[in-house]
N, C-alpha and C. Protein backbone atom coordinates (compact mmCIF):
# COMPACT_ATOMS: atom_id res chain seq x y z
N UNK A 1 95.25 136.13 73.12
CA UNK A 1 95.47 135.55 74.45
C UNK A 1 95.83 134.07 74.32
N UNK A 2 96.83 133.65 75.09
CA UNK A 2 97.25 132.27 75.05
C UNK A 2 96.17 131.36 75.63
N UNK A 3 95.91 130.26 74.95
CA UNK A 3 94.87 129.33 75.37
C UNK A 3 95.28 128.65 76.68
N UNK A 4 94.38 128.69 77.66
CA UNK A 4 94.66 128.07 78.95
C UNK A 4 94.53 126.55 78.84
N UNK A 5 95.54 125.85 79.32
CA UNK A 5 95.57 124.39 79.24
C UNK A 5 94.97 123.82 80.52
N UNK A 6 93.92 123.01 80.41
CA UNK A 6 93.32 122.42 81.62
C UNK A 6 94.24 121.37 82.22
N UNK A 7 94.03 121.09 83.50
CA UNK A 7 94.83 120.07 84.17
C UNK A 7 94.61 118.71 83.52
N UNK A 8 93.36 118.45 83.16
CA UNK A 8 93.05 117.16 82.53
C UNK A 8 91.80 117.29 81.69
N UNK A 9 91.81 116.64 80.54
CA UNK A 9 90.65 116.61 79.65
C UNK A 9 90.54 115.20 79.09
N UNK A 10 89.41 114.56 79.32
CA UNK A 10 89.23 113.18 78.86
C UNK A 10 88.73 113.20 77.41
N UNK A 11 89.63 112.97 76.48
CA UNK A 11 89.31 113.07 75.07
C UNK A 11 88.52 111.85 74.58
N UNK A 12 87.61 112.08 73.62
CA UNK A 12 86.99 110.98 72.90
C UNK A 12 88.02 110.31 72.01
N UNK A 13 87.75 109.09 71.61
CA UNK A 13 88.70 108.39 70.75
C UNK A 13 88.73 108.99 69.36
N UNK A 14 89.92 109.43 68.97
CA UNK A 14 90.15 110.00 67.64
C UNK A 14 91.12 109.16 66.83
N UNK A 15 91.91 108.35 67.49
CA UNK A 15 92.97 107.58 66.83
C UNK A 15 92.69 106.08 66.96
N UNK A 16 93.18 105.33 66.00
CA UNK A 16 92.94 103.89 65.99
C UNK A 16 93.63 103.19 67.16
N UNK A 17 93.09 102.04 67.51
CA UNK A 17 93.68 101.23 68.57
C UNK A 17 94.87 100.46 68.00
N UNK A 18 96.03 100.68 68.59
CA UNK A 18 97.26 100.06 68.09
C UNK A 18 97.55 98.76 68.83
N UNK A 19 97.30 98.75 70.14
CA UNK A 19 97.71 97.62 70.98
C UNK A 19 96.56 96.66 71.33
N UNK A 20 95.33 97.13 71.26
CA UNK A 20 94.20 96.28 71.66
C UNK A 20 93.19 96.09 70.54
N UNK A 21 93.54 96.52 69.33
CA UNK A 21 92.61 96.45 68.21
C UNK A 21 92.71 95.15 67.42
N UNK A 22 92.02 95.11 66.30
CA UNK A 22 91.96 93.91 65.47
C UNK A 22 93.32 93.52 64.91
N UNK A 23 94.15 94.50 64.60
CA UNK A 23 95.46 94.20 64.03
C UNK A 23 96.29 93.36 64.99
N UNK A 24 96.27 93.73 66.26
CA UNK A 24 97.02 92.98 67.28
C UNK A 24 96.47 91.57 67.43
N UNK A 25 95.15 91.44 67.47
CA UNK A 25 94.54 90.12 67.66
C UNK A 25 94.83 89.18 66.48
N UNK A 26 95.01 89.75 65.30
CA UNK A 26 95.35 88.92 64.15
C UNK A 26 96.75 88.34 64.27
N UNK A 27 97.62 89.04 64.98
CA UNK A 27 99.00 88.57 65.15
C UNK A 27 99.12 87.48 66.21
N UNK A 28 98.11 87.38 67.06
CA UNK A 28 98.07 86.29 68.05
C UNK A 28 96.62 85.84 68.19
N UNK A 29 96.25 84.85 67.41
CA UNK A 29 94.90 84.32 67.45
C UNK A 29 94.79 83.32 68.59
N UNK A 30 93.86 83.58 69.49
CA UNK A 30 93.75 82.76 70.69
C UNK A 30 93.45 81.30 70.35
N UNK A 31 92.73 81.07 69.25
CA UNK A 31 92.41 79.69 68.88
C UNK A 31 93.65 78.90 68.44
N UNK A 32 94.76 79.60 68.17
CA UNK A 32 96.00 78.93 67.78
C UNK A 32 96.93 78.67 68.97
N UNK A 33 96.54 79.14 70.14
CA UNK A 33 97.37 78.97 71.34
C UNK A 33 97.04 77.64 72.00
N UNK A 34 98.07 76.94 72.44
CA UNK A 34 97.90 75.70 73.20
C UNK A 34 98.99 75.64 74.25
N UNK A 35 98.96 74.62 75.09
CA UNK A 35 99.97 74.46 76.14
C UNK A 35 100.76 73.18 75.90
N UNK A 36 102.03 73.22 76.25
CA UNK A 36 102.91 72.07 76.05
C UNK A 36 102.41 70.87 76.84
N UNK A 37 102.23 69.77 76.15
CA UNK A 37 101.74 68.52 76.76
C UNK A 37 100.36 68.70 77.41
N UNK A 38 99.64 69.73 76.94
CA UNK A 38 98.30 70.02 77.47
C UNK A 38 98.27 70.23 78.98
N UNK A 39 99.32 70.86 79.49
CA UNK A 39 99.38 71.23 80.91
C UNK A 39 99.68 72.73 81.00
N UNK A 40 98.75 73.51 81.56
CA UNK A 40 97.39 73.19 82.01
C UNK A 40 96.51 72.67 80.86
N UNK A 41 95.41 72.02 81.18
CA UNK A 41 94.62 71.35 80.15
C UNK A 41 93.88 72.28 79.20
N UNK A 42 93.59 73.52 79.64
CA UNK A 42 92.88 74.47 78.78
C UNK A 42 93.64 75.78 78.73
N UNK A 43 93.44 76.51 77.64
CA UNK A 43 94.07 77.82 77.50
C UNK A 43 93.49 78.80 78.53
N UNK A 44 92.21 78.66 78.81
CA UNK A 44 91.57 79.52 79.82
C UNK A 44 92.25 79.36 81.18
N UNK A 45 92.54 78.11 81.56
CA UNK A 45 93.22 77.85 82.83
C UNK A 45 94.65 78.38 82.79
N UNK A 46 95.30 78.24 81.65
CA UNK A 46 96.67 78.75 81.45
C UNK A 46 96.70 80.27 81.64
N UNK A 47 95.73 80.96 81.05
CA UNK A 47 95.65 82.42 81.19
C UNK A 47 95.42 82.80 82.65
N UNK A 48 94.51 82.08 83.32
CA UNK A 48 94.21 82.40 84.72
C UNK A 48 95.44 82.23 85.60
N UNK A 49 96.14 81.11 85.43
CA UNK A 49 97.35 80.86 86.23
C UNK A 49 98.41 81.92 85.97
N UNK A 50 98.61 82.24 84.69
CA UNK A 50 99.61 83.24 84.29
C UNK A 50 99.26 84.60 84.91
N UNK A 51 98.00 84.99 84.78
CA UNK A 51 97.55 86.28 85.31
C UNK A 51 97.71 86.35 86.83
N UNK A 52 97.25 85.32 87.51
CA UNK A 52 97.30 85.33 88.98
C UNK A 52 98.74 85.34 89.48
N UNK A 53 99.62 84.60 88.81
CA UNK A 53 101.02 84.57 89.22
C UNK A 53 101.68 85.93 89.03
N UNK A 54 101.43 86.56 87.88
CA UNK A 54 102.02 87.87 87.62
C UNK A 54 101.47 88.92 88.59
N UNK A 55 100.19 88.82 88.90
CA UNK A 55 99.58 89.78 89.84
C UNK A 55 100.20 89.62 91.23
N UNK A 56 100.31 88.39 91.68
CA UNK A 56 100.90 88.15 93.00
C UNK A 56 102.36 88.61 93.04
N UNK A 57 103.09 88.33 91.96
CA UNK A 57 104.49 88.75 91.90
C UNK A 57 104.60 90.27 91.98
N UNK A 58 103.79 90.98 91.21
CA UNK A 58 103.88 92.44 91.19
C UNK A 58 103.44 93.05 92.52
N UNK A 59 102.42 92.49 93.15
CA UNK A 59 101.98 93.03 94.43
C UNK A 59 103.02 92.78 95.52
N UNK A 60 103.66 91.61 95.49
CA UNK A 60 104.76 91.34 96.43
C UNK A 60 105.91 92.31 96.17
N UNK A 61 106.22 92.53 94.91
CA UNK A 61 107.28 93.45 94.55
C UNK A 61 106.97 94.86 95.01
N UNK A 62 105.72 95.30 94.81
CA UNK A 62 105.33 96.63 95.26
C UNK A 62 105.51 96.78 96.76
N UNK A 63 105.15 95.75 97.50
CA UNK A 63 105.32 95.77 98.96
C UNK A 63 106.79 95.94 99.32
N UNK A 64 107.68 95.24 98.59
CA UNK A 64 109.11 95.37 98.85
C UNK A 64 109.63 96.75 98.45
N UNK A 65 109.09 97.32 97.36
CA UNK A 65 109.50 98.66 96.94
C UNK A 65 109.15 99.69 98.01
N UNK A 66 107.95 99.59 98.56
CA UNK A 66 107.54 100.52 99.61
C UNK A 66 108.45 100.40 100.83
N UNK A 67 108.75 99.18 101.22
CA UNK A 67 109.63 98.96 102.37
C UNK A 67 111.04 99.48 102.10
N UNK A 68 111.51 99.30 100.86
CA UNK A 68 112.83 99.81 100.50
C UNK A 68 112.87 101.34 100.61
N UNK A 69 111.83 102.01 100.09
CA UNK A 69 111.79 103.47 100.18
C UNK A 69 111.78 103.91 101.64
N UNK A 70 111.00 103.23 102.46
CA UNK A 70 110.94 103.57 103.88
C UNK A 70 112.31 103.42 104.53
N UNK A 71 113.00 102.32 104.25
CA UNK A 71 114.34 102.10 104.80
C UNK A 71 115.33 103.15 104.29
N UNK A 72 115.25 103.45 103.00
CA UNK A 72 116.16 104.43 102.42
C UNK A 72 115.97 105.81 103.04
N UNK A 73 114.72 106.17 103.29
CA UNK A 73 114.41 107.49 103.84
C UNK A 73 114.80 107.63 105.31
N UNK A 74 115.10 106.54 105.99
CA UNK A 74 115.42 106.63 107.40
C UNK A 74 116.91 106.87 107.65
N UNK A 75 117.72 106.84 106.61
CA UNK A 75 119.17 106.96 106.76
C UNK A 75 119.56 108.40 107.11
N UNK A 76 120.33 108.53 108.18
CA UNK A 76 120.91 109.82 108.58
C UNK A 76 122.41 109.65 108.72
N UNK A 77 123.15 110.69 108.39
CA UNK A 77 124.61 110.62 108.52
C UNK A 77 125.12 111.96 109.05
N UNK A 78 125.83 111.90 110.17
CA UNK A 78 126.30 113.10 110.87
C UNK A 78 125.12 114.04 111.16
N UNK A 79 123.99 113.42 111.49
CA UNK A 79 122.82 114.20 111.84
C UNK A 79 122.00 114.71 110.67
N UNK A 80 122.49 114.50 109.43
CA UNK A 80 121.76 114.98 108.25
C UNK A 80 120.86 113.86 107.73
N UNK A 81 119.59 114.17 107.56
CA UNK A 81 118.61 113.21 107.08
C UNK A 81 118.70 113.10 105.55
N UNK A 82 118.95 111.90 105.06
CA UNK A 82 119.02 111.67 103.61
C UNK A 82 117.62 111.30 103.13
N UNK A 83 116.82 112.29 102.79
CA UNK A 83 115.41 112.07 102.48
C UNK A 83 115.15 111.82 101.00
N UNK A 84 116.03 112.28 100.13
CA UNK A 84 115.82 112.16 98.68
C UNK A 84 116.67 111.02 98.12
N UNK A 85 116.31 110.50 96.95
CA UNK A 85 117.11 109.42 96.36
C UNK A 85 118.49 109.86 95.93
N UNK A 86 118.65 111.16 95.69
CA UNK A 86 119.96 111.71 95.31
C UNK A 86 119.98 113.21 95.62
N UNK A 87 121.13 113.83 95.42
CA UNK A 87 121.28 115.28 95.64
C UNK A 87 121.01 115.70 97.08
N UNK A 88 121.40 114.86 98.02
CA UNK A 88 121.33 115.21 99.44
C UNK A 88 122.64 115.81 99.94
N UNK A 89 123.60 115.91 99.05
CA UNK A 89 124.94 116.32 99.44
C UNK A 89 125.92 115.17 99.23
N UNK A 90 127.14 115.49 98.86
CA UNK A 90 128.12 114.46 98.52
C UNK A 90 128.38 113.50 99.69
N UNK A 91 128.54 114.05 100.89
CA UNK A 91 128.93 113.22 102.03
C UNK A 91 127.83 112.22 102.41
N UNK A 92 126.59 112.64 102.65
CA UNK A 92 125.56 111.65 103.03
C UNK A 92 125.23 110.67 101.90
N UNK A 93 125.25 111.12 100.65
CA UNK A 93 124.96 110.21 99.54
C UNK A 93 126.07 109.16 99.39
N UNK A 94 127.32 109.59 99.53
CA UNK A 94 128.44 108.66 99.45
C UNK A 94 128.40 107.67 100.62
N UNK A 95 128.11 108.19 101.80
CA UNK A 95 128.05 107.33 102.98
C UNK A 95 126.94 106.29 102.86
N UNK A 96 125.81 106.68 102.28
CA UNK A 96 124.70 105.74 102.13
C UNK A 96 125.09 104.59 101.20
N UNK A 97 125.73 104.91 100.08
CA UNK A 97 126.16 103.87 99.15
C UNK A 97 127.10 102.88 99.80
N UNK A 98 128.05 103.40 100.58
CA UNK A 98 129.01 102.53 101.28
C UNK A 98 128.30 101.73 102.36
N UNK A 99 127.38 102.36 103.07
CA UNK A 99 126.63 101.69 104.13
C UNK A 99 125.87 100.48 103.59
N UNK A 100 125.17 100.67 102.48
CA UNK A 100 124.37 99.57 101.92
C UNK A 100 125.27 98.46 101.37
N UNK A 101 126.34 98.86 100.67
CA UNK A 101 127.23 97.85 100.08
C UNK A 101 128.01 97.08 101.15
N UNK A 102 128.58 97.81 102.11
CA UNK A 102 129.51 97.18 103.06
C UNK A 102 128.81 96.57 104.27
N UNK A 103 127.87 97.31 104.86
CA UNK A 103 127.25 96.85 106.10
C UNK A 103 125.97 96.04 105.87
N UNK A 104 125.17 96.45 104.89
CA UNK A 104 123.95 95.69 104.57
C UNK A 104 124.30 94.48 103.71
N UNK A 105 125.25 94.66 102.79
CA UNK A 105 125.74 93.53 102.01
C UNK A 105 125.13 93.38 100.64
N UNK A 106 124.51 94.44 100.10
CA UNK A 106 123.97 94.41 98.74
C UNK A 106 124.32 95.74 98.06
N UNK A 107 124.14 95.75 96.74
CA UNK A 107 124.31 97.01 96.00
C UNK A 107 122.94 97.42 95.49
N UNK A 108 122.37 98.45 96.09
CA UNK A 108 120.99 98.83 95.75
C UNK A 108 120.86 99.29 94.30
N UNK A 109 121.94 99.68 93.67
CA UNK A 109 121.86 100.12 92.26
C UNK A 109 121.51 98.96 91.34
N UNK A 110 122.07 97.78 91.61
CA UNK A 110 121.80 96.63 90.75
C UNK A 110 120.41 96.05 91.01
N UNK A 111 119.86 96.27 92.18
CA UNK A 111 118.56 95.71 92.52
C UNK A 111 117.46 96.25 91.63
N UNK A 112 117.56 97.51 91.25
CA UNK A 112 116.45 98.14 90.51
C UNK A 112 116.79 98.41 89.06
N UNK A 113 117.98 98.09 88.60
CA UNK A 113 118.29 98.18 87.19
C UNK A 113 118.46 99.58 86.66
N UNK A 114 118.81 100.53 87.50
CA UNK A 114 119.02 101.90 87.03
C UNK A 114 117.79 102.76 87.19
N UNK A 115 117.97 104.07 87.12
CA UNK A 115 116.89 105.00 87.44
C UNK A 115 115.74 104.96 86.42
N UNK A 116 115.98 104.40 85.23
CA UNK A 116 114.92 104.35 84.22
C UNK A 116 114.28 102.97 84.10
N UNK A 117 114.55 102.07 85.04
CA UNK A 117 113.96 100.74 84.99
C UNK A 117 112.48 100.81 85.38
N UNK A 118 111.76 99.74 85.09
CA UNK A 118 110.33 99.67 85.41
C UNK A 118 110.10 99.87 86.89
N UNK A 119 110.94 99.26 87.73
CA UNK A 119 110.72 99.32 89.16
C UNK A 119 111.05 100.71 89.70
N UNK A 120 112.07 101.36 89.14
CA UNK A 120 112.39 102.71 89.58
C UNK A 120 111.29 103.68 89.19
N UNK A 121 110.64 103.42 88.05
CA UNK A 121 109.49 104.25 87.66
C UNK A 121 108.36 104.07 88.68
N UNK A 122 108.14 102.83 89.11
CA UNK A 122 107.09 102.57 90.10
C UNK A 122 107.41 103.25 91.43
N UNK A 123 108.68 103.26 91.80
CA UNK A 123 109.11 103.89 93.04
C UNK A 123 108.73 105.37 93.07
N UNK A 124 108.72 106.02 91.90
CA UNK A 124 108.44 107.45 91.84
C UNK A 124 107.03 107.79 92.31
N UNK A 125 106.16 106.79 92.46
CA UNK A 125 104.79 107.02 92.90
C UNK A 125 104.61 106.88 94.41
N UNK A 126 105.57 106.34 95.11
CA UNK A 126 105.38 106.00 96.51
C UNK A 126 105.01 107.22 97.35
N UNK A 127 105.66 108.35 97.10
CA UNK A 127 105.33 109.56 97.87
C UNK A 127 103.92 110.05 97.56
N UNK A 128 103.46 109.86 96.32
CA UNK A 128 102.09 110.24 95.96
C UNK A 128 101.08 109.35 96.67
N UNK A 129 101.34 108.07 96.68
CA UNK A 129 100.40 107.12 97.28
C UNK A 129 100.39 107.20 98.80
N UNK A 130 101.57 107.40 99.38
CA UNK A 130 101.70 107.35 100.84
C UNK A 130 102.52 108.55 101.34
N UNK A 131 101.91 109.75 101.36
CA UNK A 131 102.66 110.95 101.74
C UNK A 131 103.16 110.94 103.18
N UNK A 132 102.57 110.12 104.03
CA UNK A 132 103.00 110.05 105.43
C UNK A 132 103.79 108.79 105.74
N UNK A 133 104.39 108.22 104.70
CA UNK A 133 105.10 106.95 104.86
C UNK A 133 106.18 107.03 105.92
N UNK A 134 106.92 108.13 105.96
CA UNK A 134 108.05 108.24 106.88
C UNK A 134 107.60 108.18 108.34
N UNK A 135 106.36 108.57 108.61
CA UNK A 135 105.84 108.55 109.97
C UNK A 135 105.12 107.25 110.30
N UNK A 136 105.12 106.31 109.35
CA UNK A 136 104.48 105.02 109.54
C UNK A 136 105.55 103.93 109.48
N UNK A 137 105.12 102.68 109.47
CA UNK A 137 106.07 101.57 109.38
C UNK A 137 105.44 100.47 108.53
N UNK A 138 105.88 100.33 107.25
CA UNK A 138 105.28 99.33 106.36
C UNK A 138 105.60 97.89 106.79
N UNK A 139 106.56 97.72 107.69
CA UNK A 139 106.82 96.37 108.20
C UNK A 139 105.77 95.95 109.23
N UNK A 140 105.04 96.95 109.75
CA UNK A 140 103.95 96.68 110.70
C UNK A 140 102.59 96.87 110.02
N UNK A 141 102.43 97.99 109.30
CA UNK A 141 101.18 98.30 108.62
C UNK A 141 101.38 98.18 107.11
N UNK A 142 100.74 97.22 106.51
CA UNK A 142 100.91 96.97 105.07
C UNK A 142 100.31 98.12 104.27
N UNK A 143 101.05 98.58 103.27
CA UNK A 143 100.61 99.65 102.38
C UNK A 143 100.23 99.03 101.03
N UNK A 144 98.94 98.96 100.78
CA UNK A 144 98.43 98.23 99.63
C UNK A 144 98.59 99.03 98.33
N UNK A 145 98.80 98.31 97.24
CA UNK A 145 98.80 98.91 95.91
C UNK A 145 97.41 99.49 95.66
N UNK A 146 97.31 100.76 95.25
CA UNK A 146 96.00 101.44 95.25
C UNK A 146 95.08 101.12 94.08
N UNK A 147 95.57 100.35 93.08
CA UNK A 147 94.76 100.10 91.89
C UNK A 147 94.40 98.62 91.78
N UNK A 148 93.14 98.34 91.98
CA UNK A 148 92.67 96.95 91.93
C UNK A 148 92.75 96.37 90.53
N UNK A 149 92.57 97.20 89.51
CA UNK A 149 92.44 96.72 88.14
C UNK A 149 93.63 97.05 87.24
N UNK A 150 94.70 97.61 87.79
CA UNK A 150 95.87 97.97 87.00
C UNK A 150 97.11 97.23 87.50
N UNK A 151 98.12 97.18 86.65
CA UNK A 151 99.39 96.55 87.02
C UNK A 151 100.47 97.61 87.17
N UNK A 152 101.61 97.21 87.67
CA UNK A 152 102.74 98.13 87.79
C UNK A 152 103.18 98.64 86.42
N UNK A 153 102.96 97.84 85.38
CA UNK A 153 103.35 98.25 84.04
C UNK A 153 102.63 99.54 83.62
N UNK A 154 101.39 99.69 84.04
CA UNK A 154 100.63 100.90 83.70
C UNK A 154 101.28 102.13 84.33
N UNK A 155 101.77 101.99 85.56
CA UNK A 155 102.45 103.11 86.22
C UNK A 155 103.67 103.53 85.42
N UNK A 156 104.36 102.54 84.87
CA UNK A 156 105.59 102.81 84.14
C UNK A 156 105.35 103.63 82.88
N UNK A 157 104.20 103.44 82.24
CA UNK A 157 103.91 104.11 80.98
C UNK A 157 103.83 105.63 81.15
N UNK A 158 103.18 106.10 82.21
CA UNK A 158 102.85 107.52 82.34
C UNK A 158 103.64 108.21 83.45
N UNK A 159 104.73 107.59 83.90
CA UNK A 159 105.39 108.09 85.11
C UNK A 159 105.95 109.50 84.97
N UNK A 160 106.21 109.97 83.76
CA UNK A 160 106.75 111.31 83.56
C UNK A 160 105.66 112.39 83.41
N UNK A 161 104.41 111.99 83.27
CA UNK A 161 103.34 112.93 82.97
C UNK A 161 102.78 113.57 84.24
N UNK A 162 102.49 114.86 84.18
CA UNK A 162 101.96 115.57 85.35
C UNK A 162 100.56 115.08 85.71
N UNK A 163 99.80 114.62 84.71
CA UNK A 163 98.44 114.15 84.96
C UNK A 163 98.37 112.63 85.15
N UNK A 164 99.48 112.03 85.53
CA UNK A 164 99.58 110.57 85.59
C UNK A 164 98.57 109.96 86.54
N UNK A 165 98.35 110.55 87.72
CA UNK A 165 97.43 109.97 88.69
C UNK A 165 95.98 110.03 88.20
N UNK A 166 95.63 111.10 87.51
CA UNK A 166 94.28 111.22 86.96
C UNK A 166 94.04 110.17 85.88
N UNK A 167 95.04 109.98 85.02
CA UNK A 167 94.93 108.96 83.98
C UNK A 167 94.79 107.57 84.58
N UNK A 168 95.58 107.29 85.60
CA UNK A 168 95.53 105.98 86.25
C UNK A 168 94.21 105.76 86.99
N UNK A 169 93.73 106.78 87.66
CA UNK A 169 92.46 106.66 88.38
C UNK A 169 91.32 106.34 87.41
N UNK A 170 91.30 107.04 86.28
CA UNK A 170 90.25 106.81 85.30
C UNK A 170 90.35 105.40 84.71
N UNK A 171 91.56 105.00 84.37
CA UNK A 171 91.76 103.65 83.80
C UNK A 171 91.35 102.58 84.79
N UNK A 172 91.64 102.80 86.06
CA UNK A 172 91.25 101.82 87.08
C UNK A 172 89.73 101.74 87.20
N UNK A 173 89.06 102.90 87.18
CA UNK A 173 87.61 102.92 87.26
C UNK A 173 86.98 102.18 86.07
N UNK A 174 87.60 102.33 84.90
CA UNK A 174 87.08 101.71 83.68
C UNK A 174 87.53 100.25 83.53
N UNK A 175 88.34 99.77 84.46
CA UNK A 175 88.85 98.40 84.45
C UNK A 175 89.55 98.07 83.12
N UNK A 176 90.42 98.98 82.71
CA UNK A 176 91.14 98.79 81.45
C UNK A 176 92.19 97.70 81.61
N UNK A 177 92.35 96.91 80.56
CA UNK A 177 93.48 95.99 80.51
C UNK A 177 94.74 96.79 80.18
N UNK A 178 95.88 96.13 80.25
CA UNK A 178 97.14 96.81 79.96
C UNK A 178 97.16 97.37 78.54
N UNK A 179 96.75 96.57 77.56
CA UNK A 179 96.78 97.05 76.17
C UNK A 179 95.72 98.13 75.94
N UNK A 180 94.59 98.03 76.60
CA UNK A 180 93.59 99.09 76.50
C UNK A 180 94.11 100.39 77.08
N UNK A 181 94.87 100.29 78.17
CA UNK A 181 95.47 101.49 78.77
C UNK A 181 96.49 102.12 77.83
N UNK A 182 97.29 101.29 77.17
CA UNK A 182 98.24 101.82 76.20
C UNK A 182 97.53 102.62 75.11
N UNK A 183 96.45 102.07 74.57
CA UNK A 183 95.70 102.76 73.53
C UNK A 183 95.02 104.01 74.06
N UNK A 184 94.54 103.94 75.29
CA UNK A 184 93.91 105.11 75.90
C UNK A 184 94.91 106.26 76.04
N UNK A 185 96.09 105.95 76.54
CA UNK A 185 97.11 106.99 76.72
C UNK A 185 97.61 107.51 75.38
N UNK A 186 97.78 106.61 74.43
CA UNK A 186 98.24 107.02 73.09
C UNK A 186 97.23 107.97 72.45
N UNK A 187 95.95 107.67 72.59
CA UNK A 187 94.92 108.57 72.07
C UNK A 187 94.95 109.90 72.81
N UNK A 188 95.12 109.84 74.14
CA UNK A 188 95.14 111.06 74.97
C UNK A 188 96.26 112.00 74.54
N UNK A 189 97.48 111.49 74.43
CA UNK A 189 98.60 112.38 74.10
C UNK A 189 98.50 112.89 72.66
N UNK A 190 97.95 112.08 71.77
CA UNK A 190 97.80 112.50 70.37
C UNK A 190 96.80 113.65 70.27
N UNK A 191 95.68 113.52 70.98
CA UNK A 191 94.67 114.58 70.99
C UNK A 191 95.19 115.83 71.70
N UNK A 192 95.93 115.62 72.79
CA UNK A 192 96.52 116.74 73.52
C UNK A 192 97.48 117.51 72.63
N UNK A 193 98.35 116.79 71.93
CA UNK A 193 99.32 117.45 71.04
C UNK A 193 98.61 118.19 69.91
N UNK A 194 97.53 117.63 69.40
CA UNK A 194 96.76 118.30 68.34
C UNK A 194 96.19 119.62 68.83
N UNK A 195 95.77 119.64 70.09
CA UNK A 195 95.10 120.84 70.62
C UNK A 195 96.07 121.89 71.14
N UNK A 196 97.16 121.46 71.74
CA UNK A 196 98.03 122.41 72.42
C UNK A 196 99.46 122.47 71.89
N UNK A 197 99.77 121.66 70.90
CA UNK A 197 101.14 121.60 70.40
C UNK A 197 101.90 120.43 70.99
N UNK A 198 103.02 120.09 70.37
CA UNK A 198 103.76 118.90 70.76
C UNK A 198 104.34 119.02 72.17
N UNK A 199 103.83 118.21 73.06
CA UNK A 199 104.36 118.11 74.42
C UNK A 199 104.78 116.69 74.74
N UNK A 200 104.02 115.70 74.23
CA UNK A 200 104.25 114.31 74.58
C UNK A 200 104.65 113.49 73.35
N UNK A 201 105.51 112.51 73.60
CA UNK A 201 105.90 111.58 72.54
C UNK A 201 105.85 110.16 73.11
N UNK A 202 105.26 109.25 72.34
CA UNK A 202 105.17 107.85 72.75
C UNK A 202 106.45 107.14 72.35
N UNK A 203 107.20 106.65 73.34
CA UNK A 203 108.47 105.97 73.09
C UNK A 203 108.25 104.47 73.17
N UNK A 204 108.48 103.80 72.06
CA UNK A 204 108.27 102.36 72.00
C UNK A 204 109.54 101.69 71.51
N UNK A 205 110.14 100.87 72.39
CA UNK A 205 111.35 100.12 72.07
C UNK A 205 111.08 98.66 72.40
N UNK A 206 111.40 97.77 71.49
CA UNK A 206 111.06 96.36 71.66
C UNK A 206 111.70 95.74 72.90
N UNK A 207 112.84 96.27 73.32
CA UNK A 207 113.59 95.65 74.42
C UNK A 207 113.19 96.18 75.80
N UNK A 208 112.26 97.13 75.87
CA UNK A 208 111.85 97.67 77.16
C UNK A 208 110.41 98.15 77.09
N UNK A 209 109.84 98.46 78.26
CA UNK A 209 108.47 98.93 78.29
C UNK A 209 108.35 100.30 77.63
N UNK A 210 107.26 100.54 76.91
CA UNK A 210 107.05 101.89 76.35
C UNK A 210 106.77 102.89 77.46
N UNK A 211 106.95 104.16 77.15
CA UNK A 211 106.60 105.21 78.10
C UNK A 211 106.36 106.51 77.33
N UNK A 212 105.76 107.46 78.03
CA UNK A 212 105.49 108.76 77.43
C UNK A 212 106.61 109.73 77.79
N UNK A 213 107.26 110.25 76.78
CA UNK A 213 108.32 111.24 76.97
C UNK A 213 107.74 112.64 76.94
N UNK A 214 108.14 113.47 77.89
CA UNK A 214 107.69 114.86 77.93
C UNK A 214 108.70 115.71 77.17
N UNK A 215 108.24 116.36 76.10
CA UNK A 215 109.13 117.13 75.24
C UNK A 215 109.35 118.54 75.76
N UNK A 216 108.35 119.09 76.45
CA UNK A 216 108.51 120.44 76.97
C UNK A 216 107.67 120.61 78.21
């Protein structure tokens, strides 16, 4: 009998930490970090400012992503509702592209850097987070990012995985840092592949964010 695969299994650590372990810390020793002209005056203050700025930037960006999805989903052409990002039919999809470029005055394709960009990966979660978005108005009611302890980068890592929300929920509960989340997911897919066969592959390219590729 074929072994039944559970929806989610939280594996114990079996593999070494690649991103948050001692090897990584040796490559960037905090005691060797300083700031130009001692501004900010301490590294601790530099880290705090950097963290807070990136957090504010990502939360503002998430708010704009939600509003963009809401606006995109409201487009109708000849009575046909264009509800999906693509494959709504040649006529409404073509009309939407022309509408945004000519009448709105921007090209939405360049805004997000292609369907595999970090922001497009984040967009793939909007329906999960806010299933009733179309019946609401994010310009009136703010739709908050649901993870207090995670960044948009974490969403990008697991966006192709069926258990992505469970992984993110657990990481948020455990208050994992970004590098801790990378190691957590890397251990998870490695243990999963050991138990059930090759399904996931960790894709790491220096020029872009890593992500988990689904092989089957």
